[in-house]
Amino acid sequence: MIRTYLKSNKHRRFSAVGLGVLSITLLGAAGCHTDMWIQPKPKPQAESDFWLDGQSNRPPIAHAVDRDHLKVDDTYWRGIKGVNVVNGKAAGAKFVDELPDAVFIAPEFKSESGDRSESLAKILTRGQERFNIYCSPCHGELGDGNGMIAKRGFNIKIPPRNYHTDRLRSLPLGHFFDVITNGDGAMTPRAFQVEPNDRWAIAAYIRVLQYSQHAEVSDLKPEELSKIDKPLGGASTDGAHQPETHSASGEGEH
């Protein structure tokens, strides 16, 4: 009797295990279907027999206004104003070469007195900070394309840009804003990382870097010209070293 009980118990255990395996198999089979990727949905640029015009892509609703992402100021958001014309035909957008007014009145740059030079100083300070964080690893702190990443083997066909070439020095500010926003070559877009005001600040600082390496004497003010030949640190004009004088008590020693 005990043997019979054990046998029946064993059969029941095997039956339970078999039932569990069967259940899992059936559940798995039920999940293995193609409804998730073969379903009635429109694909981009595909034909459609649902809409009268036969297109799956739908045009914007007439007179709809985007309340959260309406960016109508092309100068601020895209760095462009108008179009270039070549041989009487439109040839791409025209980049602006000045900071948009919206940047000067931004809360972080706005001058309480309305002095734009004060705002510009804040913009350039911020631009230097952001440039050193996001740009200098590739382009270097001087903008010469010799950043640490370039030094450590960033091996591509087109190396990081050197801002001091004639071509890049001739490009308007809007170009640099556009490149930071949308990327160029091996550089990926940075709009997700750097907000618009900071992009403009970086573009302005790039222009300062360019001036720092290619300044013309004619650009200097008279008071700045007088400093060109002035010896550094108050050294003697004849180049002779003036020894320090010391008192007998040892005063003046360092």
Protein backbone atom coordinates (compact mmCIF):
# COMPACT_ATOMS: atom_id res chain seq x y z
CA MET A 1 0.00 0.00 0.00
CA ILE A 2 2.83 2.36 0.83
CA ARG A 3 4.50 1.46 -2.47
CA THR A 4 1.31 2.22 -4.36
CA TYR A 5 1.00 5.58 -2.60
CA LEU A 6 4.57 6.55 -3.48
CA LYS A 7 4.06 5.59 -7.11
CA SER A 8 0.88 7.62 -7.37
CA ASN A 9 2.62 10.58 -5.67
CA LYS A 10 5.47 10.34 -8.16
CA HIS A 11 3.05 10.30 -11.07
CA ARG A 12 1.29 13.34 -9.65
CA ARG A 13 4.60 15.23 -9.38
CA PHE A 14 5.51 14.36 -12.97
CA SER A 15 2.06 15.42 -14.11
CA ALA A 16 2.39 18.77 -12.32
CA VAL A 17 5.82 19.38 -13.85
CA GLY A 18 4.57 18.40 -17.30
CA LEU A 19 1.55 20.67 -16.92
CA GLY A 20 3.82 23.57 -15.92
CA VAL A 21 6.13 23.04 -18.90
CA LEU A 22 3.15 22.81 -21.22
CA SER A 23 1.67 26.03 -19.82
CA ILE A 24 4.94 27.93 -20.28
CA THR A 25 5.26 26.57 -23.83
CA LEU A 26 1.73 27.67 -24.70
CA LEU A 27 2.29 31.13 -23.23
CA GLY A 28 5.53 31.50 -25.18
CA ALA A 29 3.85 30.39 -28.38
CA ALA A 30 1.05 32.89 -27.82
CA GLY A 31 3.61 35.69 -27.54
CA CYS A 32 5.44 34.70 -30.70
CA HIS A 33 3.36 36.52 -33.26
CA THR A 34 4.04 39.32 -35.72
CA ASP A 35 1.26 41.72 -34.77
CA MET A 36 3.75 44.12 -33.17
CA TRP A 37 5.69 44.76 -36.38
CA ILE A 38 3.08 43.84 -38.98
CA GLN A 39 0.25 46.12 -38.04
CA PRO A 40 -1.91 48.72 -39.76
CA LYS A 41 0.28 51.78 -39.31
CA PRO A 42 1.52 54.41 -41.77
CA LYS A 43 5.23 54.51 -42.55
CA PRO A 44 7.07 57.75 -43.45
CA GLN A 45 6.73 58.72 -47.12
CA ALA A 46 4.62 55.62 -47.82
CA GLU A 47 1.43 55.54 -49.88
CA SER A 48 -1.87 55.38 -48.09
CA ASP A 49 -5.27 54.17 -49.24
CA PHE A 50 -6.93 55.80 -46.24
CA TRP A 51 -6.38 59.49 -47.08
CA LEU A 52 -7.83 61.01 -50.23
CA ASP A 53 -4.48 62.44 -51.35
CA GLY A 54 -2.84 58.99 -51.09
CA GLN A 55 -0.08 60.18 -48.72
CA SER A 56 0.65 58.78 -45.29
CA ASN A 57 2.45 61.97 -44.22
CA ARG A 58 -0.07 64.54 -43.06
CA PRO A 59 0.45 68.29 -43.54
CA PRO A 60 0.23 70.67 -40.57
CA ILE A 61 -3.29 71.66 -39.62
CA ALA A 62 -4.14 75.02 -41.16
CA HIS A 63 -3.85 78.01 -38.80
CA ALA A 64 -2.51 75.86 -35.95
CA VAL A 65 -0.14 77.72 -33.60
CA ASP A 66 2.64 75.89 -31.73
CA ARG A 67 2.55 77.36 -28.24
CA ASP A 68 5.68 75.69 -26.88
CA HIS A 69 8.10 75.36 -29.80
CA LEU A 70 7.28 78.28 -32.05
CA LYS A 71 10.65 79.64 -33.18
CA VAL A 72 9.90 82.39 -35.67
CA ASP A 73 13.00 84.49 -34.96
CA ASP A 74 15.43 83.00 -37.50
CA THR A 75 18.21 85.34 -36.42
CA TYR A 76 18.19 84.08 -32.83
CA TRP A 77 17.22 80.44 -33.32
CA ARG A 78 19.10 79.68 -36.55
CA GLY A 79 21.65 82.44 -37.00
CA ILE A 80 20.28 83.41 -40.41
CA LYS A 81 18.59 86.41 -41.97
CA GLY A 82 17.53 86.45 -45.58
CA VAL A 83 19.11 84.45 -48.41
CA ASN A 84 22.25 84.67 -50.48
CA VAL A 85 21.70 85.48 -54.14
CA VAL A 86 24.04 84.19 -56.84
CA ASN A 87 23.41 85.14 -60.47
CA GLY A 88 19.97 86.33 -59.53
CA LYS A 89 19.00 83.06 -57.84
CA ALA A 90 18.62 82.14 -54.18
CA ALA A 91 21.67 80.21 -52.97
CA GLY A 92 21.09 79.26 -49.36
CA ALA A 93 20.46 81.18 -46.17
CA LYS A 94 22.57 84.17 -45.23
CA PHE A 95 24.24 83.94 -41.82
CA VAL A 96 24.22 86.98 -39.56
CA ASP A 97 27.51 88.47 -38.37
CA GLU A 98 26.29 90.17 -35.19
CA LEU A 99 24.86 88.94 -31.92
CA PRO A 100 21.05 89.05 -31.93
CA ASP A 101 19.40 91.64 -29.69
CA ALA A 102 17.68 88.80 -27.82
CA VAL A 103 21.06 87.71 -26.44
CA PHE A 104 21.85 91.15 -24.98
CA ILE A 105 18.52 91.29 -23.13
CA ALA A 106 18.69 87.73 -21.78
CA PRO A 107 18.45 87.77 -17.95
CA GLU A 108 21.96 86.40 -17.48
CA PHE A 109 23.52 89.03 -19.77
CA LYS A 110 21.25 92.03 -19.41
CA SER A 111 22.81 95.25 -18.08
CA GLU A 112 20.81 97.15 -15.51
CA SER A 113 22.03 100.42 -16.97
CA GLY A 114 21.33 99.35 -20.53
CA ASP A 115 25.04 99.48 -21.41
CA ARG A 116 25.59 96.96 -24.23
CA SER A 117 29.34 96.87 -23.57
CA GLU A 118 28.61 95.63 -20.06
CA SER A 119 26.33 92.95 -21.50
CA LEU A 120 28.97 92.02 -24.06
CA ALA A 121 31.55 91.54 -21.30
CA LYS A 122 29.19 89.11 -19.57
CA ILE A 123 28.54 87.29 -22.85
CA LEU A 124 32.25 86.86 -23.56
CA THR A 125 32.99 85.70 -20.04
CA ARG A 126 30.27 83.09 -20.33
CA GLY A 127 31.45 82.18 -23.83
CA GLN A 128 34.99 81.55 -22.62
CA GLU A 129 33.72 79.33 -19.84
CA ARG A 130 31.46 77.28 -22.12
CA PHE A 131 34.11 77.11 -24.85
CA ASN A 132 36.69 75.71 -22.45
CA ILE A 133 34.19 73.09 -21.29
CA TYR A 134 32.68 71.91 -24.55
CA CYS A 135 35.04 73.00 -27.34
CA SER A 136 38.62 73.14 -26.09
CA PRO A 137 39.03 69.33 -25.72
CA CYS A 138 39.11 69.15 -29.52
CA HIS A 139 39.83 72.71 -30.71
CA GLY A 140 42.26 73.73 -27.95
CA GLU A 141 41.96 76.75 -25.68
CA LEU A 142 43.42 78.95 -28.43
CA GLY A 143 41.06 77.54 -31.05
CA ASP A 144 43.97 76.19 -33.09
CA GLY A 145 42.56 72.66 -33.41
CA ASN A 146 45.22 71.27 -31.12
CA GLY A 147 43.13 70.20 -28.13
CA MET A 148 43.93 67.27 -25.88
CA ILE A 149 41.72 64.87 -27.86
CA ALA A 150 43.55 65.80 -31.06
CA LYS A 151 46.90 65.34 -29.32
CA ARG A 152 45.92 61.93 -27.97
CA GLY A 153 45.18 60.32 -31.31
CA PHE A 154 41.80 61.56 -32.60
CA ASN A 155 42.62 60.19 -36.03
CA ILE A 156 40.15 61.30 -38.69
CA LYS A 157 40.50 62.54 -42.26
CA ILE A 158 39.49 66.07 -41.24
CA PRO A 159 41.09 67.10 -37.92
CA PRO A 160 39.40 69.53 -35.50
CA ARG A 161 39.02 72.95 -37.09
CA ASN A 162 41.65 75.62 -36.65
CA TYR A 163 39.70 78.88 -36.25
CA HIS A 164 42.65 80.98 -37.39
CA THR A 165 42.60 80.04 -41.06
CA ASP A 166 41.65 82.76 -43.54
CA ARG A 167 38.46 80.90 -44.45
CA LEU A 168 37.13 80.56 -40.91
CA ARG A 169 38.11 84.08 -39.95
CA SER A 170 36.00 85.35 -42.84
CA LEU A 171 32.89 83.41 -41.82
CA PRO A 172 30.09 85.22 -39.93
CA LEU A 173 29.05 84.48 -36.35
CA GLY A 174 25.90 82.74 -37.52
CA HIS A 175 28.02 80.03 -39.14
CA PHE A 176 29.59 79.05 -35.82
CA PHE A 177 26.19 79.13 -34.11
CA ASP A 178 24.83 76.83 -36.82
CA VAL A 179 27.71 74.37 -36.50
CA ILE A 180 27.31 74.18 -32.72
CA THR A 181 23.58 73.61 -33.23
CA ASN A 182 23.63 71.11 -36.10
CA GLY A 183 27.18 69.76 -36.16
CA ASP A 184 29.63 69.61 -39.06
CA GLY A 185 31.86 66.79 -40.26
CA ALA A 186 32.99 64.65 -37.34
CA MET A 187 31.49 67.12 -34.87
CA THR A 188 28.05 66.04 -33.71
CA PRO A 189 25.24 68.52 -32.90
CA ARG A 190 25.52 70.16 -29.49
CA ALA A 191 22.08 71.76 -29.28
CA PHE A 192 21.02 69.12 -26.73
CA GLN A 193 23.92 70.13 -24.50
CA VAL A 194 24.35 73.87 -25.03
CA GLU A 195 21.32 76.17 -24.91
CA PRO A 196 20.95 78.98 -27.51
CA ASN A 197 22.30 81.86 -25.40
CA ASP A 198 25.42 79.86 -24.61
CA ARG A 199 25.84 78.93 -28.28
CA TRP A 200 25.86 82.61 -29.18
CA ALA A 201 28.27 83.33 -26.33
CA ILE A 202 30.65 80.65 -27.63
CA ALA A 203 30.40 82.02 -31.18
CA ALA A 204 31.27 85.50 -29.91
CA TYR A 205 34.22 84.14 -27.94
CA ILE A 206 35.51 82.31 -31.03
CA ARG A 207 35.60 85.67 -32.78
CA VAL A 208 37.61 87.08 -29.84
CA LEU A 209 40.08 84.20 -30.16
CA GLN A 210 40.46 84.98 -33.84
CA TYR A 211 41.16 88.64 -33.10
CA SER A 212 43.66 87.67 -30.41
CA GLN A 213 45.85 85.87 -32.97
CA HIS A 214 45.32 88.19 -35.94
CA ALA A 215 44.87 91.68 -34.50
CA GLU A 216 45.86 94.59 -36.73
CA VAL A 217 47.77 97.54 -35.32
CA SER A 218 45.28 99.82 -37.06
CA ASP A 219 42.54 98.36 -34.84
CA LEU A 220 44.19 99.65 -31.67
CA LYS A 221 43.27 102.86 -29.87
CA PRO A 222 45.97 105.51 -29.27
CA GLU A 223 46.30 104.60 -25.59
CA GLU A 224 46.75 100.95 -26.59
CA LEU A 225 49.38 101.80 -29.19
CA SER A 226 51.51 103.44 -26.52
CA LYS A 227 51.72 100.12 -24.67
CA ILE A 228 53.18 98.15 -27.56
CA ASP A 229 56.81 99.16 -27.04
CA LYS A 230 56.51 99.69 -23.32
CA PRO A 231 58.80 97.30 -21.38
CA LEU A 232 57.07 94.72 -19.27
CA GLY A 233 57.29 94.88 -15.48
CA GLY A 234 58.82 98.35 -15.43
CA ALA A 235 62.19 97.14 -16.77
CA SER A 236 64.75 99.72 -17.85
CA THR A 237 64.43 100.86 -21.49
CA ASP A 238 68.16 100.29 -22.13
CA GLY A 239 67.80 96.66 -21.12
CA ALA A 240 70.31 96.96 -18.27
CA HIS A 241 69.50 95.08 -15.14
CA GLN A 242 68.94 97.34 -12.18
CA PRO A 243 70.15 95.61 -8.99
CA GLU A 244 68.00 95.81 -5.89
CA THR A 245 69.25 97.97 -3.06
CA HIS A 246 69.30 96.60 0.44
CA SER A 247 69.80 98.33 3.74
CA ALA A 248 72.28 97.15 6.28
CA SER A 249 69.50 95.76 8.39
CA GLY A 250 68.50 93.44 5.54
CA GLU A 251 65.26 95.18 4.60
CA GLY A 252 64.09 94.41 1.13
CA GLU A 253 65.34 90.81 1.08
CA HIS A 254 62.84 88.16 0.01
